[in-house]
Amino acid sequence: MEVKVKLFGDLREGRFEEEQTQLEENSRVIDIINKHNLPLEKVAICMVNSRVVQFDQVLQNQDIVAFSPPVGGM
């Protein structure tokens, strides 16, 4: 299956902003994190199709998955 992966903030450094990724059926959000070597401690928000999800969320073909680091304030 294919999903679109979007990275925000510091997670983009040395990686990509947006990418189509091939995954096995029944893959989970954590599988994308592992595939792209994203540091777990820097992934504060995971979203699938604009909804906040946990790392164990099962993905579907054509999902849009976004990862964001913690956001600092003033």
C-alpha atoms as a PDB file:
ATOM      1  CA  MET A   1       0.000   0.000   0.000  1.00  0.00           C
ATOM      2  CA  GLU A   2       1.042   3.607  -0.396  1.00  0.00           C
ATOM      3  CA  VAL A   3       0.735   6.469   2.099  1.00  0.00           C
ATOM      4  CA  LYS A   4       1.850  10.086   2.019  1.00  0.00           C
ATOM      5  CA  VAL A   5       4.210  11.070   4.847  1.00  0.00           C
ATOM      6  CA  LYS A   6       4.656  14.700   5.910  1.00  0.00           C
ATOM      7  CA  LEU A   7       7.332  15.897   8.307  1.00  0.00           C
ATOM      8  CA  PHE A   8       7.278  19.194  10.179  1.00  0.00           C
ATOM      9  CA  GLY A   9       9.813  21.265  12.104  1.00  0.00           C
ATOM     10  CA  ASP A  10      13.114  19.682  13.114  1.00  0.00           C
ATOM     11  CA  LEU A  11      11.992  16.280  11.800  1.00  0.00           C
ATOM     12  CA  ARG A  12      12.610  17.574   8.250  1.00  0.00           C
ATOM     13  CA  GLU A  13      16.298  18.276   8.832  1.00  0.00           C
ATOM     14  CA  GLY A  14      18.294  15.973   6.565  1.00  0.00           C
ATOM     15  CA  ARG A  15      15.116  14.207   5.456  1.00  0.00           C
ATOM     16  CA  PHE A  16      12.167  15.361   3.384  1.00  0.00           C
ATOM     17  CA  GLU A  17       9.078  17.549   3.701  1.00  0.00           C
ATOM     18  CA  GLU A  18       6.615  15.230   1.967  1.00  0.00           C
ATOM     19  CA  GLU A  19       7.046  11.770   0.444  1.00  0.00           C
ATOM     20  CA  GLN A  20       5.009   8.859  -0.891  1.00  0.00           C
ATOM     21  CA  THR A  21       5.983   5.701   1.004  1.00  0.00           C
ATOM     22  CA  GLN A  22       5.317   2.056   0.201  1.00  0.00           C
ATOM     23  CA  LEU A  23       4.311  -0.116   3.166  1.00  0.00           C
ATOM     24  CA  GLU A  24       3.106  -3.651   3.812  1.00  0.00           C
ATOM     25  CA  GLU A  25      -0.629  -4.131   4.396  1.00  0.00           C
ATOM     26  CA  ASN A  26      -1.630  -3.635   8.058  1.00  0.00           C
ATOM     27  CA  SER A  27       1.389  -1.418   8.743  1.00  0.00           C
ATOM     28  CA  ARG A  28       1.172   0.955  11.684  1.00  0.00           C
ATOM     29  CA  VAL A  29       2.382   4.490  12.313  1.00  0.00           C
ATOM     30  CA  ILE A  30       5.385   3.126  14.235  1.00  0.00           C
ATOM     31  CA  ASP A  31       6.476   1.295  11.071  1.00  0.00           C
ATOM     32  CA  ILE A  32       6.857   4.636   9.253  1.00  0.00           C
ATOM     33  CA  ILE A  33       8.818   6.053  12.185  1.00  0.00           C
ATOM     34  CA  ASN A  34      11.168   3.069  12.059  1.00  0.00           C
ATOM     35  CA  LYS A  35      11.441   3.038   8.245  1.00  0.00           C
ATOM     36  CA  HIS A  36      12.539   6.684   8.147  1.00  0.00           C
ATOM     37  CA  ASN A  37      14.675   6.500  11.309  1.00  0.00           C
ATOM     38  CA  LEU A  38      12.715   9.257  13.033  1.00  0.00           C
ATOM     39  CA  PRO A  39      13.829   9.745  16.655  1.00  0.00           C
ATOM     40  CA  LEU A  40      10.871   8.672  18.808  1.00  0.00           C
ATOM     41  CA  GLU A  41      11.673  11.278  21.463  1.00  0.00           C
ATOM     42  CA  LYS A  42      11.252  14.027  18.841  1.00  0.00           C
ATOM     43  CA  VAL A  43       7.869  12.839  17.545  1.00  0.00           C
ATOM     44  CA  ALA A  44       5.344  14.692  19.703  1.00  0.00           C
ATOM     45  CA  ILE A  45       2.304  14.573  17.415  1.00  0.00           C
ATOM     46  CA  CYS A  46       1.213  11.882  14.944  1.00  0.00           C
ATOM     47  CA  MET A  47      -1.741  12.520  12.696  1.00  0.00           C
ATOM     48  CA  VAL A  48      -3.475  10.311  10.155  1.00  0.00           C
ATOM     49  CA  ASN A  49      -5.869  12.114   7.833  1.00  0.00           C
ATOM     50  CA  SER A  50      -5.829  15.161  10.145  1.00  0.00           C
ATOM     51  CA  ARG A  51      -6.681  13.178  13.293  1.00  0.00           C
ATOM     52  CA  VAL A  52      -4.288  12.708  16.205  1.00  0.00           C
ATOM     53  CA  VAL A  53      -3.423   9.015  16.620  1.00  0.00           C
ATOM     54  CA  GLN A  54      -1.134   6.749  18.632  1.00  0.00           C
ATOM     55  CA  PHE A  55       1.930   4.941  17.265  1.00  0.00           C
ATOM     56  CA  ASP A  56      -0.019   1.658  17.005  1.00  0.00           C
ATOM     57  CA  GLN A  57      -2.649   3.086  14.605  1.00  0.00           C
ATOM     58  CA  VAL A  58      -3.154   0.732  11.626  1.00  0.00           C
ATOM     59  CA  LEU A  59      -2.816   2.502   8.299  1.00  0.00           C
ATOM     60  CA  GLN A  60      -4.891   2.230   5.134  1.00  0.00           C
ATOM     61  CA  ASN A  61      -3.907   2.720   1.510  1.00  0.00           C
ATOM     62  CA  GLN A  62      -3.730   6.432   0.575  1.00  0.00           C
ATOM     63  CA  ASP A  63      -3.682   7.679   4.192  1.00  0.00           C
ATOM     64  CA  ILE A  64      -1.852  10.936   4.875  1.00  0.00           C
ATOM     65  CA  VAL A  65       0.441  10.627   7.885  1.00  0.00           C
ATOM     66  CA  ALA A  66       2.024  13.695   9.502  1.00  0.00           C
ATOM     67  CA  PHE A  67       4.657  13.910  12.235  1.00  0.00           C
ATOM     68  CA  SER A  68       5.474  16.995  14.282  1.00  0.00           C
ATOM     69  CA  PRO A  69       8.087  17.633  16.975  1.00  0.00           C
ATOM     70  CA  PRO A  70       7.232  19.412  20.224  1.00  0.00           C
ATOM     71  CA  VAL A  71       6.411  23.055  19.637  1.00  0.00           C
ATOM     72  CA  GLY A  72       8.094  25.611  21.905  1.00  0.00           C
ATOM     73  CA  GLY A  73       6.414  28.811  23.019  1.00  0.00           C
ATOM     74  CA  MET A  74       7.571  32.253  24.097  1.00  0.00           C
END
